[in-house]
Amino acid sequence: LATNELESGKNHVEEMKCGNTAKSTAMQSGMEDLERCIQADLQRLDEDFRAQMNLQKNENVRLQQCLTTLKGWPDEFCAAVDYVGDHGEDNLDDRTRLELYGWYKQATIGDCDDATAKAGKWSAGARYYMTKSWEAKRGCTKEEAFRSYIRVLDDAKPDWREACDEEEDDNIWVNEPEDKKVEYSQEPRMVVGDDEGAAIDNSAAGLFC
Protein backbone atom coordinates (compact mmCIF):
# COMPACT_ATOMS: atom_id res chain seq x y z
CA LEU A 1 0.00 0.00 0.00
CA ALA A 2 2.76 2.38 0.89
CA THR A 3 4.44 1.59 -2.42
CA ASN A 4 1.23 2.35 -4.33
CA GLU A 5 0.80 5.64 -2.52
CA LEU A 6 4.39 6.53 -3.28
CA GLU A 7 3.94 5.80 -6.97
CA SER A 8 0.70 7.76 -6.98
CA GLY A 9 2.47 10.69 -5.38
CA LYS A 10 5.24 10.54 -7.97
CA ASN A 11 2.69 10.46 -10.78
CA HIS A 12 0.88 13.44 -9.30
CA VAL A 13 4.13 15.37 -9.11
CA GLU A 14 4.91 14.51 -12.74
CA GLU A 15 1.46 15.61 -13.78
CA MET A 16 1.92 18.88 -11.96
CA LYS A 17 5.30 19.34 -13.65
CA CYS A 18 3.73 18.66 -17.07
CA GLY A 19 0.87 21.03 -16.29
CA ASN A 20 3.26 23.74 -15.21
CA THR A 21 5.39 23.15 -18.28
CA ALA A 22 2.34 23.44 -20.52
CA LYS A 23 1.23 26.62 -18.78
CA SER A 24 4.73 28.03 -19.05
CA THR A 25 4.88 27.16 -22.75
CA ALA A 26 1.48 28.72 -23.36
CA MET A 27 2.44 31.83 -21.42
CA GLN A 28 5.71 32.11 -23.32
CA SER A 29 3.87 31.69 -26.62
CA GLY A 30 1.40 34.38 -25.60
CA MET A 31 4.20 36.73 -24.66
CA GLU A 32 5.88 36.12 -28.01
CA ASP A 33 2.63 36.85 -29.84
CA LEU A 34 2.19 40.05 -27.85
CA GLU A 35 5.76 41.08 -28.60
CA ARG A 36 5.22 40.46 -32.32
CA CYS A 37 2.06 42.58 -32.25
CA ILE A 38 3.88 45.40 -30.49
CA GLN A 39 6.75 45.25 -32.97
CA ALA A 40 4.29 45.30 -35.88
CA ASP A 41 2.51 48.34 -34.41
CA LEU A 42 5.82 50.13 -33.88
CA GLN A 43 6.84 49.36 -37.44
CA ARG A 44 3.55 50.73 -38.78
CA LEU A 45 3.95 53.87 -36.69
CA ASP A 46 7.49 54.30 -37.97
CA GLU A 47 6.33 53.87 -41.58
CA ASP A 48 3.48 56.35 -41.08
CA PHE A 49 5.87 58.84 -39.51
CA ARG A 50 8.33 58.49 -42.39
CA ALA A 51 5.51 58.88 -44.90
CA GLN A 52 4.30 62.05 -43.18
CA MET A 53 7.85 63.41 -43.09
CA ASN A 54 8.24 62.71 -46.81
CA LEU A 55 4.96 64.48 -47.55
CA GLN A 56 6.05 67.48 -45.50
CA LYS A 57 9.42 67.48 -47.23
CA ASN A 58 7.77 67.40 -50.65
CA GLU A 59 5.41 70.21 -49.63
CA ASN A 60 8.34 72.30 -48.41
CA VAL A 61 10.14 71.73 -51.70
CA ARG A 62 7.02 72.73 -53.64
CA LEU A 63 6.59 75.90 -51.57
CA GLN A 64 10.25 76.76 -52.00
CA GLN A 65 9.92 76.31 -55.75
CA CYS A 66 6.88 78.59 -55.77
CA LEU A 67 8.74 81.25 -53.80
CA THR A 68 11.73 80.95 -56.12
CA THR A 69 9.43 81.33 -59.13
CA LEU A 70 7.72 84.40 -57.69
CA LYS A 71 11.06 86.00 -56.87
CA GLY A 72 12.03 85.51 -60.52
CA TRP A 73 9.07 87.49 -61.85
CA PRO A 74 9.82 91.12 -62.80
CA ASP A 75 8.02 93.68 -60.66
CA GLU A 76 6.42 95.35 -63.67
CA PHE A 77 5.06 92.02 -64.88
CA CYS A 78 3.56 91.33 -61.44
CA ALA A 79 1.96 94.79 -61.44
CA ALA A 80 0.54 94.18 -64.91
CA VAL A 81 -0.92 90.83 -63.85
CA ASP A 82 -2.49 92.47 -60.79
CA TYR A 83 -4.04 95.16 -62.98
CA VAL A 84 -5.46 92.64 -65.45
CA GLY A 85 -6.76 90.54 -62.56
CA ASP A 86 -8.58 93.55 -61.12
CA HIS A 87 -9.76 95.33 -64.26
CA GLY A 88 -9.25 93.05 -67.26
CA GLU A 89 -12.81 91.79 -67.43
CA ASP A 90 -14.21 95.35 -67.55
CA ASN A 91 -11.54 97.20 -69.53
CA LEU A 92 -10.11 94.67 -72.00
CA ASP A 93 -11.81 92.88 -74.88
CA ASP A 94 -11.70 89.11 -75.31
CA ARG A 95 -9.06 89.24 -78.05
CA THR A 96 -6.67 91.19 -75.81
CA ARG A 97 -7.34 88.97 -72.81
CA LEU A 98 -6.69 85.87 -74.90
CA GLU A 99 -3.39 87.33 -76.07
CA LEU A 100 -2.45 88.20 -72.50
CA TYR A 101 -3.47 84.73 -71.38
CA GLY A 102 -1.11 83.11 -73.88
CA TRP A 103 1.83 85.29 -72.82
CA TYR A 104 1.03 84.76 -69.14
CA LYS A 105 1.11 80.97 -69.50
CA GLN A 106 4.28 81.09 -71.60
CA ALA A 107 5.96 83.34 -69.03
CA THR A 108 4.96 81.38 -65.94
CA ILE A 109 4.98 77.80 -67.25
CA GLY A 110 6.68 77.62 -70.63
CA ASP A 111 5.58 75.80 -73.75
CA CYS A 112 2.02 74.50 -73.82
CA ASP A 113 1.45 70.80 -73.19
CA ASP A 114 -1.76 68.78 -73.38
CA ALA A 115 -1.85 67.84 -69.69
CA THR A 116 -1.62 71.44 -68.49
CA ALA A 117 -3.94 72.76 -71.18
CA LYS A 118 -6.62 70.25 -70.17
CA ALA A 119 -6.42 71.27 -66.50
CA GLY A 120 -8.67 74.29 -67.06
CA LYS A 121 -12.44 73.97 -66.69
CA TRP A 122 -13.27 75.38 -70.11
CA SER A 123 -15.92 74.82 -72.71
CA ALA A 124 -14.76 73.17 -75.93
CA GLY A 125 -14.79 76.47 -77.85
CA ALA A 126 -12.96 78.42 -75.14
CA ARG A 127 -10.39 75.63 -74.75
CA TYR A 128 -9.60 75.83 -78.48
CA TYR A 129 -8.96 79.58 -78.52
CA MET A 130 -7.14 79.72 -75.18
CA THR A 131 -4.89 76.80 -76.06
CA LYS A 132 -4.29 78.24 -79.52
CA SER A 133 -3.17 81.55 -78.00
CA TRP A 134 -0.77 79.78 -75.67
CA GLU A 135 0.50 77.41 -78.35
CA ALA A 136 1.31 80.36 -80.63
CA LYS A 137 3.99 81.47 -78.13
CA ARG A 138 5.85 78.13 -78.21
CA GLY A 139 9.60 78.54 -78.15
CA CYS A 140 9.58 82.03 -76.63
CA THR A 141 11.72 82.53 -73.56
CA LYS A 142 10.23 83.58 -70.23
CA GLU A 143 11.97 86.94 -70.48
CA GLU A 144 10.44 87.56 -73.91
CA ALA A 145 7.04 86.48 -72.61
CA PHE A 146 7.32 88.86 -69.65
CA ARG A 147 8.07 91.77 -71.99
CA SER A 148 5.36 90.78 -74.49
CA TYR A 149 2.72 90.58 -71.76
CA ILE A 150 3.52 94.13 -70.66
CA ARG A 151 3.67 95.33 -74.29
CA VAL A 152 0.19 93.93 -75.07
CA LEU A 153 -1.25 95.61 -71.99
CA ASP A 154 0.52 98.88 -72.89
CA ASP A 155 -1.04 98.79 -76.36
CA ALA A 156 -4.51 98.04 -75.03
CA LYS A 157 -4.48 100.23 -71.92
CA PRO A 158 -1.60 102.76 -71.98
CA ASP A 159 -2.61 104.32 -68.65
CA TRP A 160 -2.73 101.09 -66.64
CA ARG A 161 0.28 102.12 -64.52
CA GLU A 162 -1.43 105.34 -63.47
CA ALA A 163 -4.48 103.32 -62.46
CA CYS A 164 -2.28 101.07 -60.31
CA ASP A 165 -0.69 104.14 -58.66
CA GLU A 166 -4.12 105.58 -57.89
CA GLU A 167 -5.19 102.32 -56.27
CA GLU A 168 -2.07 102.31 -54.11
CA ASP A 169 -2.94 105.85 -52.95
CA ASP A 170 -6.50 104.74 -52.19
CA ASN A 171 -5.15 101.94 -50.01
CA ILE A 172 -3.56 104.47 -47.63
CA TRP A 173 -5.76 105.42 -44.68
CA VAL A 174 -5.47 107.90 -41.85
CA ASN A 175 -6.57 107.48 -38.22
CA GLU A 176 -7.98 104.02 -38.81
CA PRO A 177 -8.08 101.36 -36.08
CA GLU A 178 -4.86 99.39 -35.79
CA ASP A 179 -6.59 96.10 -36.50
CA LYS A 180 -8.03 97.33 -39.80
CA LYS A 181 -6.26 95.88 -42.80
CA VAL A 182 -6.40 96.67 -46.50
CA GLU A 183 -8.12 93.95 -48.50
CA TYR A 184 -6.56 93.64 -51.91
CA SER A 185 -8.20 92.29 -55.04
CA GLN A 186 -9.21 88.67 -55.44
CA GLU A 187 -6.74 86.17 -56.86
CA PRO A 188 -6.60 86.64 -60.62
CA ARG A 189 -8.33 84.24 -62.96
CA MET A 190 -8.90 83.93 -66.69
CA VAL A 191 -12.45 84.69 -67.83
CA VAL A 192 -13.48 84.72 -71.48
CA GLY A 193 -17.03 85.50 -72.61
CA ASP A 194 -20.11 86.87 -70.87
CA ASP A 195 -21.27 85.92 -67.40
CA GLU A 196 -23.55 83.10 -68.57
CA GLY A 197 -21.08 81.39 -70.91
CA ALA A 198 -17.81 82.47 -69.32
CA ALA A 199 -14.84 80.13 -69.52
CA ILE A 200 -12.70 80.10 -66.39
CA ASP A 201 -9.20 78.69 -66.18
CA ASN A 202 -8.77 77.11 -62.74
CA SER A 203 -5.62 75.23 -63.68
CA ALA A 204 -3.03 74.38 -61.04
CA ALA A 205 -0.55 76.62 -62.80
CA GLY A 206 -2.18 79.66 -61.28
CA LEU A 207 -5.42 81.48 -61.91
CA PHE A 208 -5.54 84.40 -64.30
CA CYS A 209 -8.08 86.92 -65.47
C-alpha atoms as a PDB file:
ATOM      1  CA  LEU A   1       0.000   0.000   0.000  1.00  0.00           C
ATOM      2  CA  ALA A   2       2.761   2.375   0.890  1.00  0.00           C
ATOM      3  CA  THR A   3       4.440   1.593  -2.418  1.00  0.00           C
ATOM      4  CA  ASN A   4       1.234   2.351  -4.328  1.00  0.00           C
ATOM      5  CA  GLU A   5       0.798   5.642  -2.523  1.00  0.00           C
ATOM      6  CA  LEU A   6       4.395   6.534  -3.276  1.00  0.00           C
ATOM      7  CA  GLU A   7       3.940   5.800  -6.966  1.00  0.00           C
ATOM      8  CA  SER A   8       0.705   7.759  -6.984  1.00  0.00           C
ATOM      9  CA  GLY A   9       2.474  10.685  -5.383  1.00  0.00           C
ATOM     10  CA  LYS A  10       5.235  10.541  -7.970  1.00  0.00           C
ATOM     11  CA  ASN A  11       2.689  10.459 -10.780  1.00  0.00           C
ATOM     12  CA  HIS A  12       0.881  13.440  -9.303  1.00  0.00           C
ATOM     13  CA  VAL A  13       4.126  15.371  -9.111  1.00  0.00           C
ATOM     14  CA  GLU A  14       4.914  14.509 -12.735  1.00  0.00           C
ATOM     15  CA  GLU A  15       1.459  15.606 -13.777  1.00  0.00           C
ATOM     16  CA  MET A  16       1.918  18.884 -11.959  1.00  0.00           C
ATOM     17  CA  LYS A  17       5.299  19.343 -13.652  1.00  0.00           C
ATOM     18  CA  CYS A  18       3.726  18.656 -17.066  1.00  0.00           C
ATOM     19  CA  GLY A  19       0.874  21.034 -16.291  1.00  0.00           C
ATOM     20  CA  ASN A  20       3.260  23.738 -15.209  1.00  0.00           C
ATOM     21  CA  THR A  21       5.392  23.152 -18.285  1.00  0.00           C
ATOM     22  CA  ALA A  22       2.341  23.435 -20.523  1.00  0.00           C
ATOM     23  CA  LYS A  23       1.234  26.619 -18.778  1.00  0.00           C
ATOM     24  CA  SER A  24       4.734  28.032 -19.050  1.00  0.00           C
ATOM     25  CA  THR A  25       4.880  27.164 -22.748  1.00  0.00           C
ATOM     26  CA  ALA A  26       1.476  28.723 -23.359  1.00  0.00           C
ATOM     27  CA  MET A  27       2.443  31.827 -21.425  1.00  0.00           C
ATOM     28  CA  GLN A  28       5.708  32.111 -23.323  1.00  0.00           C
ATOM     29  CA  SER A  29       3.874  31.690 -26.622  1.00  0.00           C
ATOM     30  CA  GLY A  30       1.401  34.384 -25.596  1.00  0.00           C
ATOM     31  CA  MET A  31       4.203  36.733 -24.662  1.00  0.00           C
ATOM     32  CA  GLU A  32       5.881  36.121 -28.012  1.00  0.00           C
ATOM     33  CA  ASP A  33       2.627  36.846 -29.840  1.00  0.00           C
ATOM     34  CA  LEU A  34       2.188  40.054 -27.847  1.00  0.00           C
ATOM     35  CA  GLU A  35       5.763  41.078 -28.596  1.00  0.00           C
ATOM     36  CA  ARG A  36       5.218  40.460 -32.320  1.00  0.00           C
ATOM     37  CA  CYS A  37       2.055  42.580 -32.252  1.00  0.00           C
ATOM     38  CA  ILE A  38       3.881  45.405 -30.487  1.00  0.00           C
ATOM     39  CA  GLN A  39       6.748  45.245 -32.972  1.00  0.00           C
ATOM     40  CA  ALA A  40       4.289  45.299 -35.884  1.00  0.00           C
ATOM     41  CA  ASP A  41       2.506  48.338 -34.412  1.00  0.00           C
ATOM     42  CA  LEU A  42       5.817  50.126 -33.880  1.00  0.00           C
ATOM     43  CA  GLN A  43       6.838  49.365 -37.445  1.00  0.00           C
ATOM     44  CA  ARG A  44       3.547  50.734 -38.783  1.00  0.00           C
ATOM     45  CA  LEU A  45       3.948  53.870 -36.688  1.00  0.00           C
ATOM     46  CA  ASP A  46       7.488  54.299 -37.974  1.00  0.00           C
ATOM     47  CA  GLU A  47       6.327  53.872 -41.581  1.00  0.00           C
ATOM     48  CA  ASP A  48       3.475  56.347 -41.079  1.00  0.00           C
ATOM     49  CA  PHE A  49       5.867  58.840 -39.510  1.00  0.00           C
ATOM     50  CA  ARG A  50       8.333  58.489 -42.387  1.00  0.00           C
ATOM     51  CA  ALA A  51       5.512  58.878 -44.899  1.00  0.00           C
ATOM     52  CA  GLN A  52       4.304  62.053 -43.185  1.00  0.00           C
ATOM     53  CA  MET A  53       7.853  63.405 -43.091  1.00  0.00           C
ATOM     54  CA  ASN A  54       8.241  62.712 -46.813  1.00  0.00           C
ATOM     55  CA  LEU A  55       4.959  64.478 -47.550  1.00  0.00           C
ATOM     56  CA  GLN A  56       6.054  67.476 -45.497  1.00  0.00           C
ATOM     57  CA  LYS A  57       9.421  67.478 -47.227  1.00  0.00           C
ATOM     58  CA  ASN A  58       7.768  67.401 -50.648  1.00  0.00           C
ATOM     59  CA  GLU A  59       5.414  70.208 -49.626  1.00  0.00           C
ATOM     60  CA  ASN A  60       8.339  72.300 -48.405  1.00  0.00           C
ATOM     61  CA  VAL A  61      10.138  71.728 -51.698  1.00  0.00           C
ATOM     62  CA  ARG A  62       7.019  72.733 -53.636  1.00  0.00           C
ATOM     63  CA  LEU A  63       6.587  75.900 -51.574  1.00  0.00           C
ATOM     64  CA  GLN A  64      10.255  76.756 -51.999  1.00  0.00           C
ATOM     65  CA  GLN A  65       9.919  76.306 -55.748  1.00  0.00           C
ATOM     66  CA  CYS A  66       6.881  78.591 -55.772  1.00  0.00           C
ATOM     67  CA  LEU A  67       8.742  81.252 -53.804  1.00  0.00           C
ATOM     68  CA  THR A  68      11.728  80.954 -56.119  1.00  0.00           C
ATOM     69  CA  THR A  69       9.431  81.327 -59.128  1.00  0.00           C
ATOM     70  CA  LEU A  70       7.724  84.395 -57.694  1.00  0.00           C
ATOM     71  CA  LYS A  71      11.064  85.999 -56.874  1.00  0.00           C
ATOM     72  CA  GLY A  72      12.032  85.515 -60.521  1.00  0.00           C
ATOM     73  CA  TRP A  73       9.068  87.487 -61.851  1.00  0.00           C
ATOM     74  CA  PRO A  74       9.816  91.120 -62.803  1.00  0.00           C
ATOM     75  CA  ASP A  75       8.019  93.681 -60.659  1.00  0.00           C
ATOM     76  CA  GLU A  76       6.419  95.353 -63.668  1.00  0.00           C
ATOM     77  CA  PHE A  77       5.058  92.018 -64.878  1.00  0.00           C
ATOM     78  CA  CYS A  78       3.558  91.326 -61.440  1.00  0.00           C
ATOM     79  CA  ALA A  79       1.958  94.786 -61.436  1.00  0.00           C
ATOM     80  CA  ALA A  80       0.538  94.180 -64.909  1.00  0.00           C
ATOM     81  CA  VAL A  81      -0.920  90.826 -63.846  1.00  0.00           C
ATOM     82  CA  ASP A  82      -2.485  92.473 -60.792  1.00  0.00           C
ATOM     83  CA  TYR A  83      -4.044  95.159 -62.981  1.00  0.00           C
ATOM     84  CA  VAL A  84      -5.463  92.635 -65.445  1.00  0.00           C
ATOM     85  CA  GLY A  85      -6.757  90.544 -62.560  1.00  0.00           C
ATOM     86  CA  ASP A  86      -8.579  93.546 -61.120  1.00  0.00           C
ATOM     87  CA  HIS A  87      -9.756  95.330 -64.262  1.00  0.00           C
ATOM     88  CA  GLY A  88      -9.255  93.055 -67.256  1.00  0.00           C
ATOM     89  CA  GLU A  89     -12.812  91.789 -67.430  1.00  0.00           C
ATOM     90  CA  ASP A  90     -14.208  95.350 -67.550  1.00  0.00           C
ATOM     91  CA  ASN A  91     -11.541  97.204 -69.530  1.00  0.00           C
ATOM     92  CA  LEU A  92     -10.114  94.670 -71.996  1.00  0.00           C
ATOM     93  CA  ASP A  93     -11.807  92.881 -74.880  1.00  0.00           C
ATOM     94  CA  ASP A  94     -11.697  89.113 -75.314  1.00  0.00           C
ATOM     95  CA  ARG A  95      -9.056  89.238 -78.050  1.00  0.00           C
ATOM     96  CA  THR A  96      -6.668  91.192 -75.808  1.00  0.00           C
ATOM     97  CA  ARG A  97      -7.337  88.973 -72.811  1.00  0.00           C
ATOM     98  CA  LEU A  98      -6.690  85.865 -74.900  1.00  0.00           C
ATOM     99  CA  GLU A  99      -3.387  87.325 -76.071  1.00  0.00           C
ATOM    100  CA  LEU A 100      -2.451  88.201 -72.498  1.00  0.00           C
ATOM    101  CA  TYR A 101      -3.469  84.726 -71.384  1.00  0.00           C
ATOM    102  CA  GLY A 102      -1.106  83.112 -73.880  1.00  0.00           C
ATOM    103  CA  TRP A 103       1.829  85.287 -72.816  1.00  0.00           C
ATOM    104  CA  TYR A 104       1.033  84.756 -69.138  1.00  0.00           C
ATOM    105  CA  LYS A 105       1.113  80.971 -69.502  1.00  0.00           C
ATOM    106  CA  GLN A 106       4.281  81.092 -71.599  1.00  0.00           C
ATOM    107  CA  ALA A 107       5.963  83.342 -69.025  1.00  0.00           C
ATOM    108  CA  THR A 108       4.964  81.382 -65.938  1.00  0.00           C
ATOM    109  CA  ILE A 109       4.977  77.800 -67.254  1.00  0.00           C
ATOM    110  CA  GLY A 110       6.682  77.622 -70.627  1.00  0.00           C
ATOM    111  CA  ASP A 111       5.582  75.798 -73.754  1.00  0.00           C
ATOM    112  CA  CYS A 112       2.019  74.497 -73.823  1.00  0.00           C
ATOM    113  CA  ASP A 113       1.449  70.800 -73.187  1.00  0.00           C
ATOM    114  CA  ASP A 114      -1.756  68.776 -73.376  1.00  0.00           C
ATOM    115  CA  ALA A 115      -1.852  67.841 -69.689  1.00  0.00           C
ATOM    116  CA  THR A 116      -1.621  71.442 -68.494  1.00  0.00           C
ATOM    117  CA  ALA A 117      -3.936  72.762 -71.181  1.00  0.00           C
ATOM    118  CA  LYS A 118      -6.623  70.255 -70.173  1.00  0.00           C
ATOM    119  CA  ALA A 119      -6.422  71.275 -66.499  1.00  0.00           C
ATOM    120  CA  GLY A 120      -8.673  74.291 -67.064  1.00  0.00           C
ATOM    121  CA  LYS A 121     -12.443  73.972 -66.693  1.00  0.00           C
ATOM    122  CA  TRP A 122     -13.265  75.381 -70.113  1.00  0.00           C
ATOM    123  CA  SER A 123     -15.919  74.821 -72.709  1.00  0.00           C
ATOM    124  CA  ALA A 124     -14.759  73.173 -75.929  1.00  0.00           C
ATOM    125  CA  GLY A 125     -14.787  76.471 -77.850  1.00  0.00           C
ATOM    126  CA  ALA A 126     -12.957  78.415 -75.142  1.00  0.00           C
ATOM    127  CA  ARG A 127     -10.393  75.629 -74.753  1.00  0.00           C
ATOM    128  CA  TYR A 128      -9.597  75.831 -78.476  1.00  0.00           C
ATOM    129  CA  TYR A 129      -8.963  79.584 -78.519  1.00  0.00           C
ATOM    130  CA  MET A 130      -7.143  79.723 -75.182  1.00  0.00           C
ATOM    131  CA  THR A 131      -4.894  76.795 -76.055  1.00  0.00           C
ATOM    132  CA  LYS A 132      -4.291  78.242 -79.523  1.00  0.00           C
ATOM    133  CA  SER A 133      -3.171  81.550 -78.001  1.00  0.00           C
ATOM    134  CA  TRP A 134      -0.767  79.783 -75.671  1.00  0.00           C
ATOM    135  CA  GLU A 135       0.498  77.405 -78.355  1.00  0.00           C
ATOM    136  CA  ALA A 136       1.309  80.358 -80.630  1.00  0.00           C
ATOM    137  CA  LYS A 137       3.988  81.465 -78.132  1.00  0.00           C
ATOM    138  CA  ARG A 138       5.849  78.128 -78.209  1.00  0.00           C
ATOM    139  CA  GLY A 139       9.602  78.541 -78.149  1.00  0.00           C
ATOM    140  CA  CYS A 140       9.578  82.033 -76.628  1.00  0.00           C
ATOM    141  CA  THR A 141      11.725  82.528 -73.555  1.00  0.00           C
ATOM    142  CA  LYS A 142      10.228  83.577 -70.235  1.00  0.00           C
ATOM    143  CA  GLU A 143      11.970  86.942 -70.482  1.00  0.00           C
ATOM    144  CA  GLU A 144      10.440  87.559 -73.914  1.00  0.00           C
ATOM    145  CA  ALA A 145       7.044  86.483 -72.613  1.00  0.00           C
ATOM    146  CA  PHE A 146       7.323  88.859 -69.646  1.00  0.00           C
ATOM    147  CA  ARG A 147       8.073  91.771 -71.993  1.00  0.00           C
ATOM    148  CA  SER A 148       5.362  90.779 -74.485  1.00  0.00           C
ATOM    149  CA  TYR A 149       2.718  90.579 -71.757  1.00  0.00           C
ATOM    150  CA  ILE A 150       3.523  94.127 -70.664  1.00  0.00           C
ATOM    151  CA  ARG A 151       3.670  95.326 -74.291  1.00  0.00           C
ATOM    152  CA  VAL A 152       0.195  93.930 -75.073  1.00  0.00           C
ATOM    153  CA  LEU A 153      -1.246  95.606 -71.992  1.00  0.00           C
ATOM    154  CA  ASP A 154       0.524  98.877 -72.890  1.00  0.00           C
ATOM    155  CA  ASP A 155      -1.043  98.790 -76.365  1.00  0.00           C
ATOM    156  CA  ALA A 156      -4.514  98.043 -75.030  1.00  0.00           C
ATOM    157  CA  LYS A 157      -4.477 100.232 -71.918  1.00  0.00           C
ATOM    158  CA  PRO A 158      -1.598 102.763 -71.981  1.00  0.00           C
ATOM    159  CA  ASP A 159      -2.607 104.319 -68.650  1.00  0.00           C
ATOM    160  CA  TRP A 160      -2.735 101.089 -66.642  1.00  0.00           C
ATOM    161  CA  ARG A 161       0.284 102.121 -64.524  1.00  0.00           C
ATOM    162  CA  GLU A 162      -1.434 105.340 -63.473  1.00  0.00           C
ATOM    163  CA  ALA A 163      -4.484 103.321 -62.465  1.00  0.00           C
ATOM    164  CA  CYS A 164      -2.276 101.075 -60.306  1.00  0.00           C
ATOM    165  CA  ASP A 165      -0.688 104.137 -58.664  1.00  0.00           C
ATOM    166  CA  GLU A 166      -4.124 105.585 -57.887  1.00  0.00           C
ATOM    167  CA  GLU A 167      -5.185 102.322 -56.271  1.00  0.00           C
ATOM    168  CA  GLU A 168      -2.069 102.313 -54.109  1.00  0.00           C
ATOM    169  CA  ASP A 169      -2.936 105.847 -52.955  1.00  0.00           C
ATOM    170  CA  ASP A 170      -6.496 104.737 -52.190  1.00  0.00           C
ATOM    171  CA  ASN A 171      -5.146 101.939 -50.013  1.00  0.00           C
ATOM    172  CA  ILE A 172      -3.555 104.465 -47.627  1.00  0.00           C
ATOM    173  CA  TRP A 173      -5.762 105.419 -44.680  1.00  0.00           C
ATOM    174  CA  VAL A 174      -5.468 107.898 -41.853  1.00  0.00           C
ATOM    175  CA  ASN A 175      -6.575 107.476 -38.225  1.00  0.00           C
ATOM    176  CA  GLU A 176      -7.983 104.020 -38.806  1.00  0.00           C
ATOM    177  CA  PRO A 177      -8.085 101.359 -36.078  1.00  0.00           C
ATOM    178  CA  GLU A 178      -4.856  99.393 -35.790  1.00  0.00           C
ATOM    179  CA  ASP A 179      -6.587  96.101 -36.504  1.00  0.00           C
ATOM    180  CA  LYS A 180      -8.033  97.328 -39.795  1.00  0.00           C
ATOM    181  CA  LYS A 181      -6.260  95.884 -42.805  1.00  0.00           C
ATOM    182  CA  VAL A 182      -6.396  96.667 -46.498  1.00  0.00           C
ATOM    183  CA  GLU A 183      -8.124  93.953 -48.502  1.00  0.00           C
ATOM    184  CA  TYR A 184      -6.560  93.642 -51.908  1.00  0.00           C
ATOM    185  CA  SER A 185      -8.198  92.294 -55.044  1.00  0.00           C
ATOM    186  CA  GLN A 186      -9.207  88.671 -55.436  1.00  0.00           C
ATOM    187  CA  GLU A 187      -6.743  86.170 -56.855  1.00  0.00           C
ATOM    188  CA  PRO A 188      -6.596  86.644 -60.625  1.00  0.00           C
ATOM    189  CA  ARG A 189      -8.328  84.238 -62.956  1.00  0.00           C
ATOM    190  CA  MET A 190      -8.902  83.925 -66.691  1.00  0.00           C
ATOM    191  CA  VAL A 191     -12.450  84.686 -67.834  1.00  0.00           C
ATOM    192  CA  VAL A 192     -13.484  84.720 -71.480  1.00  0.00           C
ATOM    193  CA  GLY A 193     -17.031  85.504 -72.611  1.00  0.00           C
ATOM    194  CA  ASP A 194     -20.111  86.870 -70.875  1.00  0.00           C
ATOM    195  CA  ASP A 195     -21.272  85.916 -67.403  1.00  0.00           C
ATOM    196  CA  GLU A 196     -23.549  83.102 -68.574  1.00  0.00           C
ATOM    197  CA  GLY A 197     -21.079  81.390 -70.912  1.00  0.00           C
ATOM    198  CA  ALA A 198     -17.815  82.469 -69.316  1.00  0.00           C
ATOM    199  CA  ALA A 199     -14.842  80.130 -69.523  1.00  0.00           C
ATOM    200  CA  ILE A 200     -12.705  80.102 -66.389  1.00  0.00           C
ATOM    201  CA  ASP A 201      -9.200  78.687 -66.180  1.00  0.00           C
ATOM    202  CA  ASN A 202      -8.770  77.112 -62.742  1.00  0.00           C
ATOM    203  CA  SER A 203      -5.618  75.231 -63.676  1.00  0.00           C
ATOM    204  CA  ALA A 204      -3.031  74.377 -61.042  1.00  0.00           C
ATOM    205  CA  ALA A 205      -0.546  76.623 -62.802  1.00  0.00           C
ATOM    206  CA  GLY A 206      -2.175  79.665 -61.278  1.00  0.00           C
ATOM    207  CA  LEU A 207      -5.419  81.484 -61.912  1.00  0.00           C
ATOM    208  CA  PHE A 208      -5.541  84.397 -64.303  1.00  0.00           C
ATOM    209  CA  CYS A 209      -8.083  86.923 -65.474  1.00  0.00           C
END
